[in-house]
Amino acid sequence: MNILWQKGPATVHQLLEALPKNPGLAYNSVLTTIRILEKKGYVKHVKDGRAHIYMPLVGQKEATRFEVRNLVSRFFKNSHELLVLNLLEDQNIDAGELKRLTELLESSKLEEKES
């Protein structure tokens, strides 16, 4: 999806060429993945001769939000609090990320009071 969002419409071959070479993926792996994304409604294709040209149907922000909601539903029983607590318990979170989260929480509190 990142390649389609960055470069625009592409064939499977063009997607494969844009992916990192190490580890390399097989053409069929990319084709299978793009077909799954199409079934999920993330991309569509148009025919250009024998080739299929794939293009995104959803923006990156929309797709990210959908997948985060899906993650919260599947793994955290629809609790955003459990997701955040899990993130905060992760030993890999750095001080900058923690500061940014704190700022977002404070900003959210101020907006809530003003409403």
N, C-alpha and C. Protein backbone atom coordinates (compact mmCIF):
# COMPACT_ATOMS: atom_id res chain seq x y z
N MET A 1 0.83 -1.19 0.00
CA MET A 1 0.00 0.00 0.00
C MET A 1 0.87 1.25 0.00
N ASN A 2 1.96 1.22 0.76
CA ASN A 2 2.81 2.41 0.81
C ASN A 2 3.32 2.79 -0.58
N ILE A 3 3.64 1.80 -1.37
CA ILE A 3 4.14 2.09 -2.72
C ILE A 3 3.03 2.73 -3.56
N LEU A 4 1.83 2.21 -3.47
CA LEU A 4 0.72 2.78 -4.23
C LEU A 4 0.40 4.20 -3.76
N TRP A 5 0.48 4.43 -2.45
CA TRP A 5 0.21 5.77 -1.94
C TRP A 5 1.31 6.75 -2.38
N GLN A 6 2.54 6.30 -2.42
CA GLN A 6 3.65 7.18 -2.77
C GLN A 6 3.80 7.39 -4.27
N LYS A 7 3.70 6.31 -5.04
CA LYS A 7 4.00 6.37 -6.47
C LYS A 7 2.77 6.39 -7.36
N GLY A 8 1.62 6.02 -6.82
CA GLY A 8 0.41 5.99 -7.62
C GLY A 8 0.20 4.63 -8.26
N PRO A 9 -0.72 4.56 -9.22
CA PRO A 9 -1.09 3.28 -9.84
C PRO A 9 0.13 2.51 -10.36
N ALA A 10 0.06 1.17 -10.20
CA ALA A 10 1.19 0.33 -10.61
C ALA A 10 0.72 -1.08 -10.91
N THR A 11 1.48 -1.75 -11.74
CA THR A 11 1.26 -3.17 -11.99
C THR A 11 1.95 -3.97 -10.88
N VAL A 12 1.67 -5.26 -10.82
CA VAL A 12 2.33 -6.11 -9.83
C VAL A 12 3.84 -6.09 -10.06
N HIS A 13 4.25 -6.12 -11.31
CA HIS A 13 5.68 -6.09 -11.62
C HIS A 13 6.32 -4.79 -11.11
N GLN A 14 5.65 -3.66 -11.30
CA GLN A 14 6.17 -2.38 -10.81
C GLN A 14 6.23 -2.35 -9.27
N LEU A 15 5.22 -2.94 -8.64
CA LEU A 15 5.24 -3.02 -7.18
C LEU A 15 6.43 -3.86 -6.71
N LEU A 16 6.64 -4.98 -7.36
CA LEU A 16 7.74 -5.88 -7.03
C LEU A 16 9.08 -5.16 -7.18
N GLU A 17 9.22 -4.39 -8.25
CA GLU A 17 10.47 -3.64 -8.49
C GLU A 17 10.71 -2.58 -7.42
N ALA A 18 9.64 -2.01 -6.88
CA ALA A 18 9.76 -0.95 -5.88
C ALA A 18 10.01 -1.48 -4.47
N LEU A 19 9.79 -2.76 -4.25
CA LEU A 19 9.99 -3.36 -2.93
C LEU A 19 11.48 -3.60 -2.67
N PRO A 20 11.87 -3.62 -1.40
CA PRO A 20 13.28 -3.91 -1.08
C PRO A 20 13.69 -5.27 -1.65
N LYS A 21 14.92 -5.34 -2.11
CA LYS A 21 15.42 -6.57 -2.73
C LYS A 21 15.83 -7.62 -1.71
N ASN A 22 16.06 -7.19 -0.48
CA ASN A 22 16.50 -8.14 0.54
C ASN A 22 15.59 -8.00 1.75
N PRO A 23 14.78 -8.95 2.10
CA PRO A 23 14.61 -10.20 1.37
C PRO A 23 13.68 -9.98 0.17
N GLY A 24 14.01 -10.59 -0.92
CA GLY A 24 13.20 -10.47 -2.11
C GLY A 24 11.91 -11.27 -2.00
N LEU A 25 10.87 -10.76 -2.61
CA LEU A 25 9.59 -11.47 -2.64
C LEU A 25 9.33 -12.02 -4.02
N ALA A 26 8.60 -13.10 -4.09
CA ALA A 26 8.23 -13.69 -5.37
C ALA A 26 7.07 -12.90 -5.97
N TYR A 27 6.98 -12.89 -7.27
CA TYR A 27 5.89 -12.23 -7.98
C TYR A 27 4.54 -12.71 -7.44
N ASN A 28 4.40 -14.02 -7.26
CA ASN A 28 3.12 -14.58 -6.79
C ASN A 28 2.76 -14.10 -5.38
N SER A 29 3.76 -13.85 -4.55
CA SER A 29 3.49 -13.33 -3.20
C SER A 29 2.91 -11.92 -3.27
N VAL A 30 3.47 -11.11 -4.13
CA VAL A 30 2.97 -9.74 -4.30
C VAL A 30 1.58 -9.77 -4.92
N LEU A 31 1.39 -10.63 -5.91
CA LEU A 31 0.08 -10.76 -6.55
C LEU A 31 -0.98 -11.21 -5.55
N THR A 32 -0.66 -12.19 -4.73
CA THR A 32 -1.61 -12.67 -3.72
C THR A 32 -1.97 -11.56 -2.75
N THR A 33 -0.97 -10.82 -2.29
CA THR A 33 -1.20 -9.73 -1.34
C THR A 33 -2.07 -8.65 -1.95
N ILE A 34 -1.80 -8.26 -3.18
CA ILE A 34 -2.58 -7.18 -3.81
C ILE A 34 -4.01 -7.64 -4.07
N ARG A 35 -4.20 -8.91 -4.37
CA ARG A 35 -5.57 -9.44 -4.56
C ARG A 35 -6.34 -9.45 -3.24
N ILE A 36 -5.66 -9.77 -2.15
CA ILE A 36 -6.31 -9.71 -0.83
C ILE A 36 -6.71 -8.27 -0.51
N LEU A 37 -5.81 -7.33 -0.79
CA LEU A 37 -6.12 -5.92 -0.56
C LEU A 37 -7.31 -5.47 -1.41
N GLU A 38 -7.40 -6.01 -2.62
CA GLU A 38 -8.52 -5.67 -3.49
C GLU A 38 -9.83 -6.23 -2.92
N LYS A 39 -9.80 -7.47 -2.44
CA LYS A 39 -11.00 -8.07 -1.85
C LYS A 39 -11.46 -7.30 -0.63
N LYS A 40 -10.51 -6.75 0.12
CA LYS A 40 -10.84 -5.97 1.32
C LYS A 40 -11.30 -4.55 0.98
N GLY A 41 -11.18 -4.17 -0.28
CA GLY A 41 -11.64 -2.85 -0.69
C GLY A 41 -10.60 -1.75 -0.57
N TYR A 42 -9.34 -2.11 -0.39
CA TYR A 42 -8.28 -1.11 -0.28
C TYR A 42 -7.77 -0.65 -1.63
N VAL A 43 -7.80 -1.53 -2.62
CA VAL A 43 -7.33 -1.18 -3.96
C VAL A 43 -8.33 -1.69 -5.00
N LYS A 44 -8.19 -1.16 -6.21
CA LYS A 44 -8.95 -1.67 -7.35
C LYS A 44 -7.98 -1.76 -8.52
N HIS A 45 -8.42 -2.46 -9.56
CA HIS A 45 -7.57 -2.52 -10.74
C HIS A 45 -8.37 -2.17 -11.99
N VAL A 46 -7.62 -1.71 -12.97
CA VAL A 46 -8.16 -1.51 -14.31
C VAL A 46 -7.26 -2.29 -15.25
N LYS A 47 -7.84 -2.77 -16.33
CA LYS A 47 -7.06 -3.53 -17.30
C LYS A 47 -6.45 -2.57 -18.32
N ASP A 48 -5.21 -2.84 -18.63
CA ASP A 48 -4.50 -2.11 -19.68
C ASP A 48 -3.85 -3.17 -20.56
N GLY A 49 -4.61 -3.60 -21.57
CA GLY A 49 -4.16 -4.73 -22.37
C GLY A 49 -4.26 -5.98 -21.51
N ARG A 50 -3.15 -6.66 -21.36
CA ARG A 50 -3.13 -7.86 -20.52
C ARG A 50 -2.78 -7.54 -19.07
N ALA A 51 -2.27 -6.36 -18.83
CA ALA A 51 -1.82 -6.00 -17.48
C ALA A 51 -2.98 -5.46 -16.63
N HIS A 52 -2.88 -5.70 -15.35
CA HIS A 52 -3.78 -5.08 -14.38
C HIS A 52 -3.01 -3.96 -13.69
N ILE A 53 -3.61 -2.78 -13.67
CA ILE A 53 -2.99 -1.65 -12.99
C ILE A 53 -3.78 -1.41 -11.71
N TYR A 54 -3.09 -1.49 -10.58
CA TYR A 54 -3.73 -1.36 -9.27
C TYR A 54 -3.57 0.06 -8.75
N MET A 55 -4.63 0.53 -8.09
CA MET A 55 -4.60 1.87 -7.51
C MET A 55 -5.33 1.86 -6.17
N PRO A 56 -4.89 2.70 -5.25
CA PRO A 56 -5.52 2.72 -3.93
C PRO A 56 -6.93 3.31 -3.99
N LEU A 57 -7.82 2.74 -3.19
CA LEU A 57 -9.18 3.27 -3.05
C LEU A 57 -9.35 4.06 -1.76
N VAL A 58 -8.45 3.84 -0.82
CA VAL A 58 -8.51 4.54 0.46
C VAL A 58 -7.18 5.22 0.72
N GLY A 59 -7.24 6.32 1.43
CA GLY A 59 -6.03 7.04 1.79
C GLY A 59 -5.32 6.37 2.95
N GLN A 60 -4.10 6.76 3.16
CA GLN A 60 -3.29 6.15 4.22
C GLN A 60 -3.89 6.41 5.60
N LYS A 61 -4.36 7.61 5.84
CA LYS A 61 -4.92 7.94 7.15
C LYS A 61 -6.17 7.11 7.44
N GLU A 62 -7.04 7.01 6.44
CA GLU A 62 -8.27 6.21 6.59
C GLU A 62 -7.95 4.74 6.84
N ALA A 63 -7.02 4.19 6.09
CA ALA A 63 -6.65 2.78 6.25
C ALA A 63 -6.02 2.53 7.62
N THR A 64 -5.18 3.45 8.05
CA THR A 64 -4.54 3.31 9.35
C THR A 64 -5.58 3.31 10.46
N ARG A 65 -6.50 4.25 10.41
CA ARG A 65 -7.54 4.32 11.45
C ARG A 65 -8.39 3.06 11.47
N PHE A 66 -8.75 2.56 10.30
CA PHE A 66 -9.55 1.33 10.23
C PHE A 66 -8.80 0.17 10.87
N GLU A 67 -7.52 0.03 10.53
CA GLU A 67 -6.75 -1.09 11.04
C GLU A 67 -6.49 -0.96 12.54
N VAL A 68 -6.32 0.25 13.05
CA VAL A 68 -6.16 0.43 14.49
C VAL A 68 -7.45 0.04 15.21
N ARG A 69 -8.60 0.46 14.67
CA ARG A 69 -9.88 0.06 15.26
C ARG A 69 -10.02 -1.46 15.25
N ASN A 70 -9.60 -2.09 14.17
CA ASN A 70 -9.64 -3.54 14.06
C ASN A 70 -8.73 -4.19 15.12
N LEU A 71 -7.54 -3.64 15.28
CA LEU A 71 -6.59 -4.14 16.28
C LEU A 71 -7.17 -4.02 17.69
N VAL A 72 -7.74 -2.85 18.00
CA VAL A 72 -8.33 -2.64 19.33
C VAL A 72 -9.47 -3.62 19.56
N SER A 73 -10.27 -3.85 18.55
CA SER A 73 -11.39 -4.78 18.67
C SER A 73 -10.91 -6.21 18.89
N ARG A 74 -9.96 -6.65 18.09
CA ARG A 74 -9.52 -8.05 18.13
C ARG A 74 -8.67 -8.39 19.34
N PHE A 75 -7.79 -7.49 19.74
CA PHE A 75 -6.81 -7.84 20.77
C PHE A 75 -7.03 -7.16 22.11
N PHE A 76 -7.83 -6.09 22.14
CA PHE A 76 -7.96 -5.32 23.37
C PHE A 76 -9.42 -5.14 23.79
N LYS A 77 -10.29 -6.01 23.32
CA LYS A 77 -11.70 -6.03 23.72
C LYS A 77 -12.35 -4.65 23.59
N ASN A 78 -12.04 -3.97 22.50
CA ASN A 78 -12.57 -2.63 22.21
C ASN A 78 -12.16 -1.58 23.23
N SER A 79 -11.08 -1.81 23.93
CA SER A 79 -10.61 -0.87 24.94
C SER A 79 -9.36 -0.14 24.45
N HIS A 80 -9.53 1.14 24.16
CA HIS A 80 -8.38 1.96 23.77
C HIS A 80 -7.40 2.09 24.94
N GLU A 81 -7.96 2.10 26.15
CA GLU A 81 -7.12 2.19 27.34
C GLU A 81 -6.16 1.01 27.42
N LEU A 82 -6.66 -0.21 27.16
CA LEU A 82 -5.79 -1.39 27.19
C LEU A 82 -4.70 -1.30 26.12
N LEU A 83 -5.03 -0.76 24.97
CA LEU A 83 -4.03 -0.59 23.91
C LEU A 83 -2.94 0.35 24.38
N VAL A 84 -3.32 1.50 24.92
CA VAL A 84 -2.34 2.49 25.38
C VAL A 84 -1.50 1.93 26.52
N LEU A 85 -2.14 1.25 27.47
CA LEU A 85 -1.39 0.66 28.57
C LEU A 85 -0.38 -0.36 28.06
N ASN A 86 -0.78 -1.15 27.07
CA ASN A 86 0.13 -2.13 26.48
C ASN A 86 1.32 -1.43 25.83
N LEU A 87 1.05 -0.33 25.14
CA LEU A 87 2.14 0.43 24.51
C LEU A 87 3.08 1.01 25.55
N LEU A 88 2.50 1.53 26.63
CA LEU A 88 3.33 2.15 27.67
C LEU A 88 4.17 1.12 28.42
N GLU A 89 3.68 -0.11 28.52
CA GLU A 89 4.43 -1.17 29.18
C GLU A 89 5.57 -1.71 28.32
N ASP A 90 5.54 -1.40 27.03
CA ASP A 90 6.58 -1.86 26.11
C ASP A 90 7.90 -1.17 26.47
N GLN A 91 8.92 -1.95 26.66
CA GLN A 91 10.22 -1.41 27.04
C GLN A 91 10.91 -0.63 25.91
N ASN A 92 10.41 -0.75 24.69
CA ASN A 92 11.06 -0.11 23.55
C ASN A 92 10.59 1.32 23.30
N ILE A 93 9.62 1.80 24.07
CA ILE A 93 9.13 3.16 23.86
C ILE A 93 10.19 4.13 24.40
N ASP A 94 10.54 5.13 23.57
CA ASP A 94 11.59 6.05 24.01
C ASP A 94 10.99 7.30 24.65
N ALA A 95 11.84 8.10 25.26
CA ALA A 95 11.40 9.27 26.01
C ALA A 95 10.67 10.27 25.10
N GLY A 96 11.11 10.41 23.86
CA GLY A 96 10.46 11.33 22.93
C GLY A 96 9.03 10.90 22.62
N GLU A 97 8.84 9.61 22.40
CA GLU A 97 7.49 9.09 22.13
C GLU A 97 6.60 9.26 23.35
N LEU A 98 7.14 8.99 24.52
CA LEU A 98 6.38 9.13 25.75
C LEU A 98 5.99 10.59 25.98
N LYS A 99 6.90 11.50 25.70
CA LYS A 99 6.60 12.93 25.83
C LYS A 99 5.48 13.33 24.87
N ARG A 100 5.55 12.87 23.64
CA ARG A 100 4.52 13.19 22.64
C ARG A 100 3.15 12.65 23.08
N LEU A 101 3.11 11.44 23.61
CA LEU A 101 1.85 10.87 24.11
C LEU A 101 1.29 11.71 25.26
N THR A 102 2.16 12.13 26.16
CA THR A 102 1.73 12.97 27.28
C THR A 102 1.15 14.28 26.77
N GLU A 103 1.81 14.89 25.78
CA GLU A 103 1.31 16.14 25.20
C GLU A 103 -0.06 15.95 24.55
N LEU A 104 -0.23 14.84 23.86
CA LEU A 104 -1.52 14.56 23.23
C LEU A 104 -2.62 14.39 24.26
N LEU A 105 -2.30 13.71 25.34
CA LEU A 105 -3.29 13.52 26.42
C LEU A 105 -3.66 14.84 27.06
N GLU A 106 -2.67 15.68 27.31
CA GLU A 106 -2.94 16.99 27.90
C GLU A 106 -3.76 17.85 26.96
N SER A 107 -3.44 17.82 25.69
CA SER A 107 -4.19 18.57 24.68
C SER A 107 -5.63 18.10 24.62
N SER A 108 -5.81 16.79 24.70
CA SER A 108 -7.15 16.21 24.67
C SER A 108 -7.96 16.63 25.88
N LYS A 109 -7.31 16.70 27.04
CA LYS A 109 -7.99 17.15 28.27
C LYS A 109 -8.46 18.60 28.14
N LEU A 110 -7.60 19.45 27.57
CA LEU A 110 -7.98 20.85 27.39
C LEU A 110 -9.15 21.00 26.44
N GLU A 111 -9.14 20.26 25.34
CA GLU A 111 -10.25 20.32 24.39
C GLU A 111 -11.55 19.84 25.02
N GLU A 112 -11.46 18.81 25.87
CA GLU A 112 -12.64 18.28 26.53
C GLU A 112 -13.23 19.31 27.49
N LYS A 113 -12.38 20.03 28.23
CA LYS A 113 -12.85 21.05 29.16
C LYS A 113 -13.52 22.21 28.44
N GLU A 114 -12.99 22.56 27.25
CA GLU A 114 -13.52 23.68 26.48
C GLU A 114 -14.85 23.35 25.81
N SER A 115 -15.15 22.09 25.67
CA SER A 115 -16.39 21.67 24.99
C SER A 115 -17.60 21.77 25.86
